[in-house]
N, C-alpha and C. Protein backbone atom coordinates (compact mmCIF):
# COMPACT_ATOMS: atom_id res chain seq x y z
N MET A 1 31.72 -3.21 -4.14
CA MET A 1 32.52 -4.34 -4.40
C MET A 1 34.02 -4.31 -4.81
N PRO A 2 34.07 -5.18 -4.83
CA PRO A 2 35.71 -5.98 -4.74
C PRO A 2 36.63 -5.00 -4.95
N LYS A 3 37.77 -4.53 -4.55
CA LYS A 3 38.28 -3.94 -5.10
C LYS A 3 38.91 -4.36 -5.71
N ASN A 4 38.97 -5.59 -7.17
CA ASN A 4 40.13 -5.26 -7.53
C ASN A 4 38.95 -5.38 -8.51
N LEU A 5 37.33 -5.17 -8.68
CA LEU A 5 36.54 -4.93 -9.72
C LEU A 5 35.83 -2.97 -9.93
N ARG A 6 37.10 -2.74 -9.20
CA ARG A 6 36.77 -0.92 -9.17
C ARG A 6 37.51 -0.27 -9.82
N LEU A 7 37.05 1.07 -11.55
CA LEU A 7 38.20 0.95 -12.08
C LEU A 7 38.55 1.82 -11.09
N GLY A 8 39.71 2.55 -10.68
CA GLY A 8 39.63 3.93 -9.76
C GLY A 8 39.30 3.95 -8.29
N ASN A 9 37.95 5.73 -8.36
CA ASN A 9 36.44 5.49 -7.79
C ASN A 9 35.87 5.59 -8.64
N GLU A 10 35.80 5.94 -9.21
CA GLU A 10 34.05 5.69 -10.63
C GLU A 10 33.09 4.06 -10.55
N ILE A 11 32.70 4.16 -10.52
CA ILE A 11 31.55 3.10 -10.72
C ILE A 11 30.31 3.51 -11.23
N THR A 12 29.79 2.53 -12.40
CA THR A 12 29.14 2.97 -13.10
C THR A 12 27.77 2.60 -12.36
N LEU A 13 26.79 3.26 -11.93
CA LEU A 13 25.58 2.16 -11.73
C LEU A 13 24.22 2.03 -13.00
N PRO A 14 23.15 1.37 -12.92
CA PRO A 14 22.46 0.92 -13.79
C PRO A 14 21.71 2.33 -14.45
N VAL A 15 21.33 2.22 -15.12
CA VAL A 15 20.11 3.23 -15.89
C VAL A 15 18.66 3.03 -14.63
N GLY A 16 18.46 4.47 -14.66
CA GLY A 16 16.67 4.14 -13.62
C GLY A 16 17.28 4.72 -12.18
N VAL A 17 17.86 4.64 -11.56
CA VAL A 17 18.46 4.48 -10.58
C VAL A 17 17.68 5.63 -10.01
N ASP A 18 17.12 5.80 -9.09
CA ASP A 18 17.02 7.00 -8.30
C ASP A 18 17.54 7.15 -7.30
N GLU A 19 18.12 8.53 -7.55
CA GLU A 19 18.96 8.76 -6.27
C GLU A 19 19.06 9.30 -4.80
N ARG A 20 18.03 8.74 -4.53
CA ARG A 20 17.23 9.66 -3.72
C ARG A 20 17.67 8.58 -2.84
N THR A 21 17.55 7.04 -3.66
CA THR A 21 17.57 6.14 -2.34
C THR A 21 18.44 5.15 -2.49
N VAL A 22 20.26 6.38 -2.85
CA VAL A 22 21.75 4.73 -2.69
C VAL A 22 22.09 5.66 -1.47
N VAL A 23 22.39 3.94 -1.50
CA VAL A 23 22.76 4.14 0.03
C VAL A 23 24.92 3.43 -0.04
N VAL A 24 26.21 3.64 0.21
CA VAL A 24 27.20 3.46 0.42
C VAL A 24 27.25 3.09 0.48
N ARG A 25 27.45 2.33 0.96
CA ARG A 25 28.42 1.50 3.14
C ARG A 25 30.10 0.79 2.47
N SER A 26 30.88 1.22 3.76
CA SER A 26 32.50 0.57 3.29
C SER A 26 32.63 -0.25 4.50
N GLY A 27 32.17 -1.57 4.25
CA GLY A 27 32.28 -2.38 5.82
C GLY A 27 31.36 -1.64 6.53
N ASP A 28 31.28 -1.22 8.15
CA ASP A 28 29.68 -1.67 9.08
C ASP A 28 29.71 0.79 8.97
N ARG A 29 30.29 1.52 7.98
CA ARG A 29 30.67 2.64 7.71
C ARG A 29 30.04 2.39 6.33
N THR A 30 28.73 3.85 6.54
CA THR A 30 27.94 4.10 5.62
C THR A 30 28.73 6.42 5.43
N LEU A 31 29.27 5.65 4.27
CA LEU A 31 29.62 6.99 3.17
C LEU A 31 28.66 7.68 3.11
N LYS A 32 28.66 9.73 3.12
CA LYS A 32 28.02 9.77 3.06
C LYS A 32 28.60 10.92 1.63
N LEU A 33 26.81 11.54 1.28
CA LEU A 33 26.23 12.04 0.40
C LEU A 33 27.62 13.18 0.22
N TRP A 34 28.20 13.42 -0.74
CA TRP A 34 29.18 15.21 -1.66
C TRP A 34 29.95 15.65 -0.32
N ASP A 35 30.67 14.15 0.65
CA ASP A 35 31.34 14.34 1.69
C ASP A 35 32.77 12.96 1.37
N ASP A 36 32.38 11.93 1.19
CA ASP A 36 32.23 10.38 0.76
C ASP A 36 32.05 9.98 0.27
N TYR A 37 31.57 10.67 -1.33
CA TYR A 37 31.47 10.59 -2.46
C TYR A 37 29.56 11.28 -3.30
N VAL A 38 29.88 11.65 -4.48
CA VAL A 38 28.90 12.18 -5.03
C VAL A 38 28.50 10.53 -6.57
N PHE A 39 26.89 11.10 -6.78
CA PHE A 39 26.43 10.40 -7.97
C PHE A 39 26.15 11.47 -9.34
N ILE A 40 26.12 11.31 -10.08
CA ILE A 40 26.21 11.93 -11.37
C ILE A 40 25.18 11.54 -11.99
N PRO A 41 23.77 11.14 -12.02
CA PRO A 41 22.44 10.68 -12.24
C PRO A 41 22.39 11.38 -13.97
N ASP A 42 22.27 11.99 -13.86
CA ASP A 42 22.61 12.41 -16.10
C ASP A 42 23.74 11.08 -16.65
N THR A 43 24.18 10.60 -16.45
CA THR A 43 25.92 10.18 -16.19
C THR A 43 25.58 8.42 -15.46
N ASN A 44 24.41 7.94 -14.52
CA ASN A 44 24.74 7.15 -13.78
C ASN A 44 26.29 6.91 -13.12
N LYS A 45 26.94 7.07 -13.44
CA LYS A 45 28.44 8.31 -12.38
C LYS A 45 28.64 8.17 -11.08
N MET A 46 29.47 7.37 -9.85
CA MET A 46 28.96 8.26 -8.56
C MET A 46 31.14 7.13 -8.46
N ARG A 47 31.32 9.03 -8.01
CA ARG A 47 32.44 8.40 -7.46
C ARG A 47 33.17 8.81 -5.68
N ILE A 48 33.79 8.33 -6.17
CA ILE A 48 34.41 7.49 -4.44
C ILE A 48 35.26 8.65 -3.34
N LEU A 49 35.08 9.58 -3.10
CA LEU A 49 36.10 11.07 -2.75
C LEU A 49 36.95 10.51 -1.48
N ASP A 50 35.99 9.66 -1.54
CA ASP A 50 36.86 9.13 0.93
C ASP A 50 38.27 7.35 0.42
N ASP A 51 39.40 8.68 0.59
CA ASP A 51 40.64 7.25 0.25
C ASP A 51 40.71 6.60 0.67
N ASP A 52 40.05 5.93 2.64
CA ASP A 52 39.98 5.66 3.17
C ASP A 52 39.06 4.63 2.53
N ALA A 53 38.53 4.35 1.80
CA ALA A 53 37.03 3.33 1.66
C ALA A 53 37.39 3.12 0.90
N LEU A 54 38.31 3.43 -0.34
CA LEU A 54 39.03 3.26 -1.12
C LEU A 54 40.02 2.31 -1.58
N ASN A 55 40.61 2.12 -0.47
CA ASN A 55 42.56 1.27 -0.38
C ASN A 55 42.56 0.42 0.96
N ALA A 56 40.94 0.40 1.96
CA ALA A 56 40.49 -1.29 2.64
C ALA A 56 40.38 -2.08 2.35
N ASP A 57 41.00 -2.92 2.19
CA ASP A 57 40.40 -4.04 2.36
C ASP A 57 39.23 -4.72 2.07
N ARG A 58 38.28 -3.65 3.27
CA ARG A 58 36.74 -4.60 3.27
C ARG A 58 35.45 -3.86 1.86
N LEU A 59 34.55 -4.59 1.64
CA LEU A 59 33.85 -4.40 0.53
C LEU A 59 32.75 -3.18 0.14
N ILE A 60 32.88 -2.26 -0.96
CA ILE A 60 32.69 -1.14 -0.39
C ILE A 60 30.76 -1.63 -1.32
N ARG A 61 29.73 -1.62 -0.50
CA ARG A 61 28.42 -1.69 -1.04
C ARG A 61 27.13 -0.85 -1.23
N ILE A 62 26.83 -0.55 -2.75
CA ILE A 62 25.79 0.31 -2.81
C ILE A 62 24.40 -0.61 -2.73
N THR A 63 23.56 0.43 -2.63
CA THR A 63 22.54 -0.21 -2.17
C THR A 63 21.07 1.50 -3.30
N TYR A 64 20.05 0.29 -4.03
CA TYR A 64 19.14 2.07 -4.71
C TYR A 64 18.13 0.97 -5.07
N GLU A 65 17.12 1.95 -5.09
CA GLU A 65 15.80 1.18 -6.23
C GLU A 65 15.69 1.83 -7.52
N LYS A 66 15.02 1.26 -7.87
CA LYS A 66 15.22 1.83 -9.27
C LYS A 66 13.62 2.64 -9.41
N LEU A 67 14.09 3.52 -10.28
CA LEU A 67 12.54 4.43 -11.65
C LEU A 67 11.81 3.07 -11.90
N TYR A 68 12.58 2.73 -12.29
CA TYR A 68 11.57 1.53 -13.93
C TYR A 68 12.51 0.52 -14.19
């Protein structure tokens, strides 16, 4: 997501995301679950914890598979 489309550090993902398949990247760097971001499946929200990733001019790319 481009920096200007993010709502602070929280991102809402579509319903049905398989949390085991979520991969978050900032530029070439892969962010780590619980260290750099958290995913709350009941709300389909992801919170980026890594300030460097949020403040960088790089895109944050999120890939995932859906359960249905």
